[in-house]
Amino acid sequence: MIEELDMHILDLVQNAIAADANRISVEIRCIDDRLILRVSDDGKGMTPEVRAAVERGFFSTKSPQAVGLGIPLLKETAEQCDGSFSLETAPGRGTTVTATFRRSHIDLPPFGNLAATILDLLVMCEGRDLQVSYHCDGRDLELSTRELAGLLGGVRISHPAVIRFLQDYLTERIGGNVR
């Protein structure tokens, strides 16, 4: 099991980048006792054979060093926490991974430092259209790299002053370590 949910999000976005996605959407939503985590992309997508191999584990198209356990571990965690898992994909049509969890389940891992992870994603996806949507416990965030790029007028998201601002903004909007 991966110790913090933000590492699953990071893994899924890295998968999307490896699949040459230009548009990536990360959605985190809490509805009553349910946590919904969804990552969608417009990347290459997968054939049914590749999808089956990915879900079994120890299969990766990223690099020879990749272990290929991210998706199987996310699926296992969701199911252990009275949730569900789905992977929708087709060649040329992208991929959507959705995991749900019962928030009150004793085995639900914490988010980890979600604000720092979202900042990492924004920097990683500079030049791509990353959309982040977070709605949990009265805290709301809608953010996209495309909107940020427009607001910054040519200044890079990775500029130190922008990073400092985003650190403060994200921590204020969603907190640091979120459960």
N, C-alpha and C. Protein backbone atom coordinates (compact mmCIF):
# COMPACT_ATOMS: atom_id res chain seq x y z
N MET A 1 0.85 -1.18 0.00
CA MET A 1 0.00 0.00 0.00
C MET A 1 0.89 1.24 0.00
N ILE A 2 0.52 2.21 -0.82
CA ILE A 2 1.23 3.49 -0.81
C ILE A 2 0.72 4.26 0.41
N GLU A 3 1.63 4.85 1.14
CA GLU A 3 1.32 5.42 2.45
C GLU A 3 0.43 6.66 2.42
N GLU A 4 0.46 7.42 1.32
CA GLU A 4 -0.33 8.65 1.25
C GLU A 4 -0.99 8.76 -0.13
N LEU A 5 -2.22 9.21 -0.14
CA LEU A 5 -3.00 9.27 -1.38
C LEU A 5 -2.40 10.23 -2.41
N ASP A 6 -1.72 11.27 -1.96
CA ASP A 6 -1.15 12.21 -2.93
C ASP A 6 -0.12 11.55 -3.84
N MET A 7 0.52 10.48 -3.37
CA MET A 7 1.49 9.76 -4.20
C MET A 7 0.78 9.01 -5.32
N HIS A 8 -0.45 8.54 -5.08
CA HIS A 8 -1.24 7.94 -6.16
C HIS A 8 -1.56 8.98 -7.23
N ILE A 9 -1.93 10.17 -6.79
CA ILE A 9 -2.25 11.24 -7.74
C ILE A 9 -1.02 11.57 -8.59
N LEU A 10 0.12 11.71 -7.94
CA LEU A 10 1.37 12.00 -8.64
C LEU A 10 1.67 10.90 -9.66
N ASP A 11 1.51 9.64 -9.27
CA ASP A 11 1.76 8.51 -10.16
C ASP A 11 0.84 8.55 -11.38
N LEU A 12 -0.44 8.81 -11.15
CA LEU A 12 -1.40 8.84 -12.26
C LEU A 12 -1.10 9.98 -13.23
N VAL A 13 -0.69 11.13 -12.72
CA VAL A 13 -0.35 12.24 -13.61
C VAL A 13 0.94 11.92 -14.37
N GLN A 14 1.90 11.28 -13.72
CA GLN A 14 3.11 10.86 -14.43
C GLN A 14 2.76 9.87 -15.54
N ASN A 15 1.82 8.97 -15.28
CA ASN A 15 1.35 8.05 -16.32
C ASN A 15 0.77 8.83 -17.50
N ALA A 16 -0.03 9.85 -17.20
CA ALA A 16 -0.64 10.66 -18.26
C ALA A 16 0.42 11.36 -19.10
N ILE A 17 1.44 11.91 -18.44
CA ILE A 17 2.53 12.57 -19.16
C ILE A 17 3.25 11.57 -20.05
N ALA A 18 3.52 10.37 -19.51
CA ALA A 18 4.19 9.32 -20.29
C ALA A 18 3.35 8.89 -21.49
N ALA A 19 2.04 9.06 -21.40
CA ALA A 19 1.13 8.72 -22.50
C ALA A 19 0.91 9.91 -23.45
N ASP A 20 1.78 10.92 -23.34
CA ASP A 20 1.73 12.10 -24.21
C ASP A 20 0.44 12.90 -24.10
N ALA A 21 -0.14 12.94 -22.93
CA ALA A 21 -1.36 13.72 -22.73
C ALA A 21 -1.05 15.21 -22.78
N ASN A 22 -1.94 15.96 -23.41
CA ASN A 22 -1.86 17.41 -23.38
C ASN A 22 -2.84 17.99 -22.37
N ARG A 23 -3.97 17.31 -22.18
CA ARG A 23 -4.98 17.74 -21.19
C ARG A 23 -5.06 16.68 -20.10
N ILE A 24 -4.92 17.13 -18.86
CA ILE A 24 -4.98 16.25 -17.70
C ILE A 24 -5.90 16.90 -16.68
N SER A 25 -6.79 16.12 -16.13
CA SER A 25 -7.73 16.62 -15.13
C SER A 25 -7.59 15.80 -13.86
N VAL A 26 -7.42 16.48 -12.73
CA VAL A 26 -7.36 15.84 -11.42
C VAL A 26 -8.55 16.35 -10.62
N GLU A 27 -9.39 15.43 -10.18
CA GLU A 27 -10.57 15.80 -9.39
C GLU A 27 -10.53 15.06 -8.07
N ILE A 28 -10.67 15.82 -6.99
CA ILE A 28 -10.75 15.27 -5.64
C ILE A 28 -12.02 15.85 -5.03
N ARG A 29 -12.93 14.98 -4.65
CA ARG A 29 -14.23 15.44 -4.17
C ARG A 29 -14.66 14.57 -2.99
N CYS A 30 -15.17 15.22 -1.95
CA CYS A 30 -15.74 14.53 -0.80
C CYS A 30 -17.24 14.75 -0.81
N ILE A 31 -17.98 13.66 -0.78
CA ILE A 31 -19.44 13.72 -0.71
C ILE A 31 -19.84 12.82 0.45
N ASP A 32 -20.30 13.46 1.52
CA ASP A 32 -20.65 12.73 2.75
C ASP A 32 -19.44 11.90 3.18
N ASP A 33 -19.59 10.58 3.27
CA ASP A 33 -18.50 9.72 3.75
C ASP A 33 -17.71 9.11 2.58
N ARG A 34 -17.83 9.69 1.40
CA ARG A 34 -17.15 9.18 0.21
C ARG A 34 -16.08 10.17 -0.24
N LEU A 35 -14.94 9.63 -0.58
CA LEU A 35 -13.87 10.39 -1.22
C LEU A 35 -13.78 9.86 -2.65
N ILE A 36 -13.83 10.76 -3.60
CA ILE A 36 -13.71 10.40 -5.01
C ILE A 36 -12.43 11.02 -5.55
N LEU A 37 -11.60 10.19 -6.14
CA LEU A 37 -10.36 10.62 -6.76
C LEU A 37 -10.43 10.21 -8.22
N ARG A 38 -10.31 11.19 -9.13
CA ARG A 38 -10.41 10.89 -10.56
C ARG A 38 -9.31 11.64 -11.30
N VAL A 39 -8.58 10.91 -12.14
CA VAL A 39 -7.57 11.52 -13.01
C VAL A 39 -7.90 11.10 -14.44
N SER A 40 -8.09 12.09 -15.31
CA SER A 40 -8.42 11.84 -16.72
C SER A 40 -7.37 12.50 -17.60
N ASP A 41 -7.14 11.90 -18.76
CA ASP A 41 -6.20 12.50 -19.70
C ASP A 41 -6.62 12.21 -21.13
N ASP A 42 -6.02 12.95 -22.06
CA ASP A 42 -6.27 12.74 -23.48
C ASP A 42 -5.07 12.09 -24.16
N GLY A 43 -4.35 11.28 -23.40
CA GLY A 43 -3.16 10.61 -23.93
C GLY A 43 -3.49 9.48 -24.89
N LYS A 44 -2.50 8.62 -25.11
CA LYS A 44 -2.61 7.53 -26.09
C LYS A 44 -3.71 6.54 -25.78
N GLY A 45 -4.03 6.38 -24.51
CA GLY A 45 -4.97 5.33 -24.13
C GLY A 45 -4.30 3.96 -24.20
N MET A 46 -5.06 2.93 -23.90
CA MET A 46 -4.51 1.57 -23.84
C MET A 46 -5.41 0.60 -24.58
N THR A 47 -4.78 -0.41 -25.14
CA THR A 47 -5.53 -1.52 -25.71
C THR A 47 -6.08 -2.36 -24.56
N PRO A 48 -7.07 -3.21 -24.81
CA PRO A 48 -7.57 -4.09 -23.74
C PRO A 48 -6.47 -4.96 -23.13
N GLU A 49 -5.52 -5.39 -23.94
CA GLU A 49 -4.43 -6.24 -23.44
C GLU A 49 -3.51 -5.47 -22.50
N VAL A 50 -3.16 -4.25 -22.88
CA VAL A 50 -2.30 -3.42 -22.03
C VAL A 50 -3.05 -3.06 -20.75
N ARG A 51 -4.31 -2.73 -20.86
CA ARG A 51 -5.11 -2.40 -19.68
C ARG A 51 -5.11 -3.56 -18.69
N ALA A 52 -5.33 -4.78 -19.17
CA ALA A 52 -5.34 -5.96 -18.30
C ALA A 52 -3.98 -6.15 -17.63
N ALA A 53 -2.90 -5.95 -18.38
CA ALA A 53 -1.56 -6.09 -17.81
C ALA A 53 -1.29 -5.03 -16.75
N VAL A 54 -1.73 -3.80 -17.01
CA VAL A 54 -1.55 -2.71 -16.04
C VAL A 54 -2.28 -3.03 -14.75
N GLU A 55 -3.51 -3.53 -14.84
CA GLU A 55 -4.29 -3.83 -13.64
C GLU A 55 -3.71 -5.01 -12.86
N ARG A 56 -3.06 -5.95 -13.55
CA ARG A 56 -2.42 -7.09 -12.86
C ARG A 56 -1.18 -6.64 -12.10
N GLY A 57 -0.45 -5.70 -12.65
CA GLY A 57 0.75 -5.20 -11.99
C GLY A 57 2.02 -5.74 -12.60
N PHE A 58 3.13 -5.15 -12.18
CA PHE A 58 4.46 -5.47 -12.68
C PHE A 58 4.56 -5.28 -14.19
N PHE A 59 3.83 -4.29 -14.69
CA PHE A 59 3.86 -3.94 -16.11
C PHE A 59 3.90 -2.43 -16.21
N SER A 60 4.82 -1.93 -17.02
CA SER A 60 4.91 -0.48 -17.20
C SER A 60 5.43 -0.18 -18.59
N THR A 61 4.95 0.90 -19.15
CA THR A 61 5.47 1.39 -20.43
C THR A 61 6.38 2.59 -20.21
N LYS A 62 6.57 3.00 -18.94
CA LYS A 62 7.33 4.22 -18.65
C LYS A 62 8.83 4.03 -18.91
N SER A 63 9.44 3.09 -18.22
CA SER A 63 10.88 2.87 -18.36
C SER A 63 11.21 1.49 -17.81
N PRO A 64 12.38 0.97 -18.15
CA PRO A 64 12.75 -0.35 -17.62
C PRO A 64 12.84 -0.37 -16.09
N GLN A 65 13.09 0.78 -15.45
CA GLN A 65 13.20 0.82 -13.99
C GLN A 65 11.85 0.87 -13.30
N ALA A 66 10.79 1.19 -14.03
CA ALA A 66 9.46 1.31 -13.41
C ALA A 66 8.97 -0.06 -12.98
N VAL A 67 8.32 -0.11 -11.83
CA VAL A 67 7.86 -1.38 -11.26
C VAL A 67 6.46 -1.73 -11.75
N GLY A 68 5.62 -0.75 -11.99
CA GLY A 68 4.29 -1.02 -12.51
C GLY A 68 3.29 -1.46 -11.46
N LEU A 69 3.39 -0.91 -10.25
CA LEU A 69 2.44 -1.29 -9.20
C LEU A 69 1.50 -0.17 -8.79
N GLY A 70 1.63 1.01 -9.36
CA GLY A 70 0.82 2.15 -8.93
C GLY A 70 -0.67 1.89 -9.05
N ILE A 71 -1.13 1.47 -10.21
CA ILE A 71 -2.57 1.25 -10.41
C ILE A 71 -3.07 0.07 -9.59
N PRO A 72 -2.38 -1.08 -9.57
CA PRO A 72 -2.87 -2.17 -8.71
C PRO A 72 -2.93 -1.79 -7.23
N LEU A 73 -1.98 -1.00 -6.76
CA LEU A 73 -2.00 -0.59 -5.35
C LEU A 73 -3.14 0.38 -5.08
N LEU A 74 -3.43 1.27 -6.01
CA LEU A 74 -4.57 2.18 -5.85
C LEU A 74 -5.87 1.38 -5.81
N LYS A 75 -6.01 0.43 -6.71
CA LYS A 75 -7.21 -0.41 -6.75
C LYS A 75 -7.38 -1.17 -5.43
N GLU A 76 -6.29 -1.75 -4.95
CA GLU A 76 -6.34 -2.50 -3.69
C GLU A 76 -6.72 -1.59 -2.53
N THR A 77 -6.14 -0.40 -2.47
CA THR A 77 -6.45 0.53 -1.39
C THR A 77 -7.92 0.94 -1.43
N ALA A 78 -8.42 1.26 -2.61
CA ALA A 78 -9.84 1.65 -2.74
C ALA A 78 -10.75 0.52 -2.26
N GLU A 79 -10.48 -0.69 -2.70
CA GLU A 79 -11.34 -1.82 -2.33
C GLU A 79 -11.22 -2.14 -0.84
N GLN A 80 -10.02 -2.01 -0.27
CA GLN A 80 -9.83 -2.23 1.17
C GLN A 80 -10.61 -1.22 2.00
N CYS A 81 -10.82 -0.05 1.44
CA CYS A 81 -11.50 1.03 2.16
C CYS A 81 -12.96 1.15 1.74
N ASP A 82 -13.59 0.01 1.45
CA ASP A 82 -15.01 -0.05 1.08
C ASP A 82 -15.35 0.86 -0.10
N GLY A 83 -14.43 0.98 -1.02
CA GLY A 83 -14.65 1.82 -2.19
C GLY A 83 -14.67 1.02 -3.47
N SER A 84 -14.37 1.70 -4.55
CA SER A 84 -14.38 1.05 -5.86
C SER A 84 -13.26 1.63 -6.72
N PHE A 85 -13.01 0.96 -7.82
CA PHE A 85 -11.96 1.38 -8.74
C PHE A 85 -12.43 1.13 -10.16
N SER A 86 -12.18 2.08 -11.05
CA SER A 86 -12.44 1.84 -12.47
C SER A 86 -11.34 2.47 -13.31
N LEU A 87 -11.03 1.82 -14.40
CA LEU A 87 -10.06 2.30 -15.36
C LEU A 87 -10.72 2.23 -16.73
N GLU A 88 -11.02 3.40 -17.29
CA GLU A 88 -11.66 3.48 -18.61
C GLU A 88 -10.62 4.00 -19.59
N THR A 89 -10.43 3.27 -20.69
CA THR A 89 -9.41 3.67 -21.65
C THR A 89 -9.68 3.03 -23.00
N ALA A 90 -9.17 3.67 -24.02
CA ALA A 90 -9.22 3.13 -25.38
C ALA A 90 -8.10 3.79 -26.17
N PRO A 91 -7.49 3.06 -27.09
CA PRO A 91 -6.42 3.65 -27.89
C PRO A 91 -6.89 4.94 -28.58
N GLY A 92 -6.07 5.98 -28.44
CA GLY A 92 -6.38 7.26 -29.05
C GLY A 92 -7.44 8.08 -28.35
N ARG A 93 -7.97 7.57 -27.24
CA ARG A 93 -9.06 8.28 -26.56
C ARG A 93 -8.73 8.64 -25.11
N GLY A 94 -7.52 8.38 -24.67
CA GLY A 94 -7.13 8.75 -23.32
C GLY A 94 -7.55 7.74 -22.28
N THR A 95 -7.39 8.14 -21.03
CA THR A 95 -7.63 7.25 -19.89
C THR A 95 -8.27 8.03 -18.76
N THR A 96 -9.20 7.39 -18.07
CA THR A 96 -9.78 7.94 -16.85
C THR A 96 -9.69 6.88 -15.76
N VAL A 97 -9.05 7.23 -14.66
CA VAL A 97 -8.96 6.36 -13.49
C VAL A 97 -9.79 7.00 -12.40
N THR A 98 -10.72 6.23 -11.83
CA THR A 98 -11.56 6.71 -10.74
C THR A 98 -11.45 5.74 -9.58
N ALA A 99 -11.14 6.28 -8.41
CA ALA A 99 -11.11 5.47 -7.18
C ALA A 99 -11.98 6.16 -6.14
N THR A 100 -12.79 5.38 -5.46
CA THR A 100 -13.59 5.92 -4.36
C THR A 100 -13.21 5.21 -3.08
N PHE A 101 -13.39 5.90 -1.97
CA PHE A 101 -13.01 5.37 -0.66
C PHE A 101 -14.07 5.79 0.36
N ARG A 102 -14.27 4.96 1.37
CA ARG A 102 -15.09 5.39 2.51
C ARG A 102 -14.15 6.18 3.40
N ARG A 103 -14.45 7.45 3.60
CA ARG A 103 -13.56 8.35 4.34
C ARG A 103 -13.36 7.93 5.79
N SER A 104 -14.38 7.33 6.39
CA SER A 104 -14.27 6.96 7.80
C SER A 104 -13.59 5.61 8.00
N HIS A 105 -13.16 4.97 6.91
CA HIS A 105 -12.52 3.65 7.04
C HIS A 105 -11.18 3.80 7.74
N ILE A 106 -10.92 2.92 8.68
CA ILE A 106 -9.70 3.02 9.49
C ILE A 106 -8.43 2.88 8.66
N ASP A 107 -8.50 2.18 7.53
CA ASP A 107 -7.31 1.96 6.71
C ASP A 107 -7.10 3.01 5.62
N LEU A 108 -7.97 4.02 5.56
CA LEU A 108 -7.79 5.04 4.52
C LEU A 108 -6.52 5.83 4.82
N PRO A 109 -5.57 5.83 3.88
CA PRO A 109 -4.35 6.60 4.10
C PRO A 109 -4.66 8.10 4.09
N PRO A 110 -3.83 8.90 4.74
CA PRO A 110 -4.01 10.36 4.66
C PRO A 110 -3.64 10.84 3.26
N PHE A 111 -4.05 12.06 2.93
CA PHE A 111 -3.68 12.63 1.64
C PHE A 111 -2.18 12.87 1.55
N GLY A 112 -1.55 13.12 2.67
CA GLY A 112 -0.17 13.59 2.63
C GLY A 112 -0.19 15.09 2.46
N ASN A 113 0.90 15.65 1.98
CA ASN A 113 0.96 17.09 1.78
C ASN A 113 0.40 17.41 0.39
N LEU A 114 -0.92 17.46 0.32
CA LEU A 114 -1.60 17.64 -0.96
C LEU A 114 -1.26 18.97 -1.61
N ALA A 115 -1.11 20.02 -0.81
CA ALA A 115 -0.77 21.33 -1.38
C ALA A 115 0.58 21.26 -2.10
N ALA A 116 1.56 20.61 -1.49
CA ALA A 116 2.88 20.48 -2.12
C ALA A 116 2.80 19.61 -3.38
N THR A 117 1.98 18.56 -3.33
CA THR A 117 1.84 17.69 -4.50
C THR A 117 1.19 18.44 -5.65
N ILE A 118 0.15 19.22 -5.37
CA ILE A 118 -0.49 19.99 -6.44
C ILE A 118 0.49 20.99 -7.03
N LEU A 119 1.30 21.61 -6.19
CA LEU A 119 2.32 22.53 -6.70
C LEU A 119 3.29 21.78 -7.62
N ASP A 120 3.74 20.59 -7.21
CA ASP A 120 4.61 19.78 -8.05
C ASP A 120 3.95 19.49 -9.40
N LEU A 121 2.66 19.15 -9.36
CA LEU A 121 1.94 18.84 -10.60
C LEU A 121 1.87 20.06 -11.51
N LEU A 122 1.62 21.23 -10.93
CA LEU A 122 1.54 22.46 -11.73
C LEU A 122 2.86 22.72 -12.45
N VAL A 123 3.97 22.51 -11.75
CA VAL A 123 5.28 22.73 -12.36
C VAL A 123 5.57 21.64 -13.40
N MET A 124 5.27 20.37 -13.06
CA MET A 124 5.49 19.26 -13.99
C MET A 124 4.70 19.44 -15.28
N CYS A 125 3.52 20.00 -15.17
CA CYS A 125 2.60 20.10 -16.32
C CYS A 125 2.63 21.46 -16.99
N GLU A 126 3.62 22.27 -16.65
CA GLU A 126 3.74 23.56 -17.34
C GLU A 126 3.86 23.27 -18.84
N GLY A 127 3.07 23.96 -19.64
CA GLY A 127 3.05 23.69 -21.08
C GLY A 127 1.96 22.70 -21.48
N ARG A 128 1.33 22.08 -20.50
CA ARG A 128 0.17 21.21 -20.74
C ARG A 128 -1.03 21.87 -20.09
N ASP A 129 -2.20 21.37 -20.39
CA ASP A 129 -3.42 21.89 -19.78
C ASP A 129 -3.81 20.97 -18.62
N LEU A 130 -3.33 21.29 -17.43
CA LEU A 130 -3.67 20.55 -16.21
C LEU A 130 -4.77 21.31 -15.49
N GLN A 131 -5.84 20.62 -15.18
CA GLN A 131 -6.94 21.20 -14.41
C GLN A 131 -7.05 20.44 -13.10
N VAL A 132 -7.06 21.18 -12.00
CA VAL A 132 -7.18 20.59 -10.66
C VAL A 132 -8.46 21.10 -10.03
N SER A 133 -9.25 20.17 -9.53
CA SER A 133 -10.52 20.50 -8.87
C SER A 133 -10.54 19.78 -7.52
N TYR A 134 -10.67 20.56 -6.45
CA TYR A 134 -10.67 20.00 -5.09
C TYR A 134 -11.88 20.56 -4.35
N HIS A 135 -12.72 19.68 -3.83
CA HIS A 135 -13.90 20.10 -3.07
C HIS A 135 -14.10 19.12 -1.91
N CYS A 136 -13.61 19.48 -0.75
CA CYS A 136 -13.74 18.64 0.45
C CYS A 136 -13.87 19.52 1.68
N ASP A 137 -14.82 19.17 2.53
CA ASP A 137 -14.96 19.79 3.85
C ASP A 137 -14.98 21.31 3.81
N GLY A 138 -15.71 21.86 2.85
CA GLY A 138 -15.85 23.31 2.77
C GLY A 138 -14.66 24.02 2.16
N ARG A 139 -13.67 23.28 1.73
CA ARG A 139 -12.51 23.87 1.06
C ARG A 139 -12.63 23.58 -0.43
N ASP A 140 -12.48 24.62 -1.23
CA ASP A 140 -12.67 24.47 -2.67
C ASP A 140 -11.50 25.08 -3.42
N LEU A 141 -11.12 24.41 -4.49
CA LEU A 141 -10.04 24.90 -5.34
C LEU A 141 -10.32 24.48 -6.77
N GLU A 142 -10.25 25.42 -7.68
CA GLU A 142 -10.29 25.17 -9.12
C GLU A 142 -9.09 25.91 -9.70
N LEU A 143 -8.22 25.19 -10.36
CA LEU A 143 -6.97 25.79 -10.83
C LEU A 143 -6.56 25.10 -12.12
N SER A 144 -5.99 25.85 -13.05
CA SER A 144 -5.48 25.22 -14.27
C SER A 144 -4.19 25.91 -14.70
N THR A 145 -3.32 25.11 -15.30
CA THR A 145 -2.06 25.67 -15.79
C THR A 145 -2.31 26.67 -16.91
N ARG A 146 -3.32 26.43 -17.71
CA ARG A 146 -3.64 27.36 -18.81
C ARG A 146 -4.04 28.73 -18.25
N GLU A 147 -4.93 28.73 -17.22
CA GLU A 147 -5.33 29.99 -16.60
C GLU A 147 -4.15 30.68 -15.94
N LEU A 148 -3.33 29.88 -15.23
CA LEU A 148 -2.15 30.46 -14.58
C LEU A 148 -1.23 31.10 -15.60
N ALA A 149 -0.99 30.41 -16.70
CA ALA A 149 -0.10 30.95 -17.73
C ALA A 149 -0.64 32.28 -18.25
N GLY A 150 -1.95 32.38 -18.43
CA GLY A 150 -2.55 33.64 -18.88
C GLY A 150 -2.37 34.75 -17.87
N LEU A 151 -2.56 34.42 -16.59
CA LEU A 151 -2.41 35.42 -15.54
C LEU A 151 -0.97 35.87 -15.37
N LEU A 152 -0.03 34.95 -15.61
CA LEU A 152 1.38 35.25 -15.37
C LEU A 152 2.02 36.01 -16.53
N GLY A 153 1.36 36.07 -17.67
CA GLY A 153 1.84 36.87 -18.79
C GLY A 153 3.27 36.57 -19.20
N GLY A 154 3.62 35.32 -19.35
CA GLY A 154 4.95 34.95 -19.81
C GLY A 154 5.91 34.54 -18.70
N VAL A 155 5.59 34.85 -17.46
CA VAL A 155 6.43 34.39 -16.35
C VAL A 155 6.12 32.90 -16.13
N ARG A 156 7.14 32.10 -15.97
CA ARG A 156 6.95 30.65 -15.83
C ARG A 156 6.39 30.29 -14.46
N ILE A 157 5.59 29.24 -14.43
CA ILE A 157 5.06 28.73 -13.16
C ILE A 157 6.21 28.31 -12.25
N SER A 158 7.30 27.86 -12.84
CA SER A 158 8.46 27.40 -12.06
C SER A 158 9.33 28.55 -11.54
N HIS A 159 8.97 29.79 -11.81
CA HIS A 159 9.73 30.94 -11.29
C HIS A 159 9.63 30.93 -9.76
N PRO A 160 10.74 31.16 -9.05
CA PRO A 160 10.72 31.09 -7.59
C PRO A 160 9.65 31.94 -6.92
N ALA A 161 9.40 33.14 -7.42
CA ALA A 161 8.37 34.00 -6.80
C ALA A 161 6.98 33.41 -7.01
N VAL A 162 6.74 32.81 -8.16
CA VAL A 162 5.44 32.18 -8.43
C VAL A 162 5.27 30.96 -7.54
N ILE A 163 6.32 30.18 -7.39
CA ILE A 163 6.25 29.00 -6.52
C ILE A 163 5.94 29.41 -5.09
N ARG A 164 6.59 30.45 -4.59
CA ARG A 164 6.31 30.91 -3.22
C ARG A 164 4.85 31.34 -3.08
N PHE A 165 4.36 32.08 -4.06
CA PHE A 165 2.96 32.51 -4.03
C PHE A 165 2.03 31.30 -4.05
N LEU A 166 2.28 30.35 -4.95
CA LEU A 166 1.41 29.18 -5.06
C LEU A 166 1.45 28.31 -3.81
N GLN A 167 2.63 28.20 -3.18
CA GLN A 167 2.72 27.46 -1.91
C GLN A 167 1.77 28.05 -0.89
N ASP A 168 1.85 29.35 -0.72
CA ASP A 168 0.98 30.02 0.26
C ASP A 168 -0.49 29.90 -0.13
N TYR A 169 -0.79 30.12 -1.40
CA TYR A 169 -2.17 30.07 -1.88
C TYR A 169 -2.77 28.67 -1.69
N LEU A 170 -2.04 27.65 -2.10
CA LEU A 170 -2.56 26.28 -1.98
C LEU A 170 -2.72 25.87 -0.53
N THR A 171 -1.77 26.22 0.31
CA THR A 171 -1.88 25.88 1.73
C THR A 171 -3.08 26.58 2.36
N GLU A 172 -3.31 27.83 1.98
CA GLU A 172 -4.47 28.57 2.49
C GLU A 172 -5.78 27.95 1.99
N ARG A 173 -5.82 27.56 0.73
CA ARG A 173 -7.07 27.04 0.13
C ARG A 173 -7.42 25.63 0.59
N ILE A 174 -6.42 24.75 0.66
CA ILE A 174 -6.75 23.35 0.99
C ILE A 174 -6.00 22.82 2.20
N GLY A 175 -5.11 23.61 2.76
CA GLY A 175 -4.34 23.13 3.90
C GLY A 175 -3.13 22.34 3.41
N GLY A 176 -2.34 21.90 4.34
CA GLY A 176 -1.15 21.11 3.99
C GLY A 176 -1.48 19.64 3.98
N ASN A 177 -1.32 19.01 5.12
CA ASN A 177 -1.65 17.60 5.25
C ASN A 177 -3.14 17.47 5.48
N VAL A 178 -3.83 16.94 4.49
CA VAL A 178 -5.29 16.86 4.51
C VAL A 178 -5.71 15.43 4.78
N ARG A 179 -6.74 15.24 5.57
CA ARG A 179 -7.29 13.88 5.79
C ARG A 179 -8.70 13.85 5.27
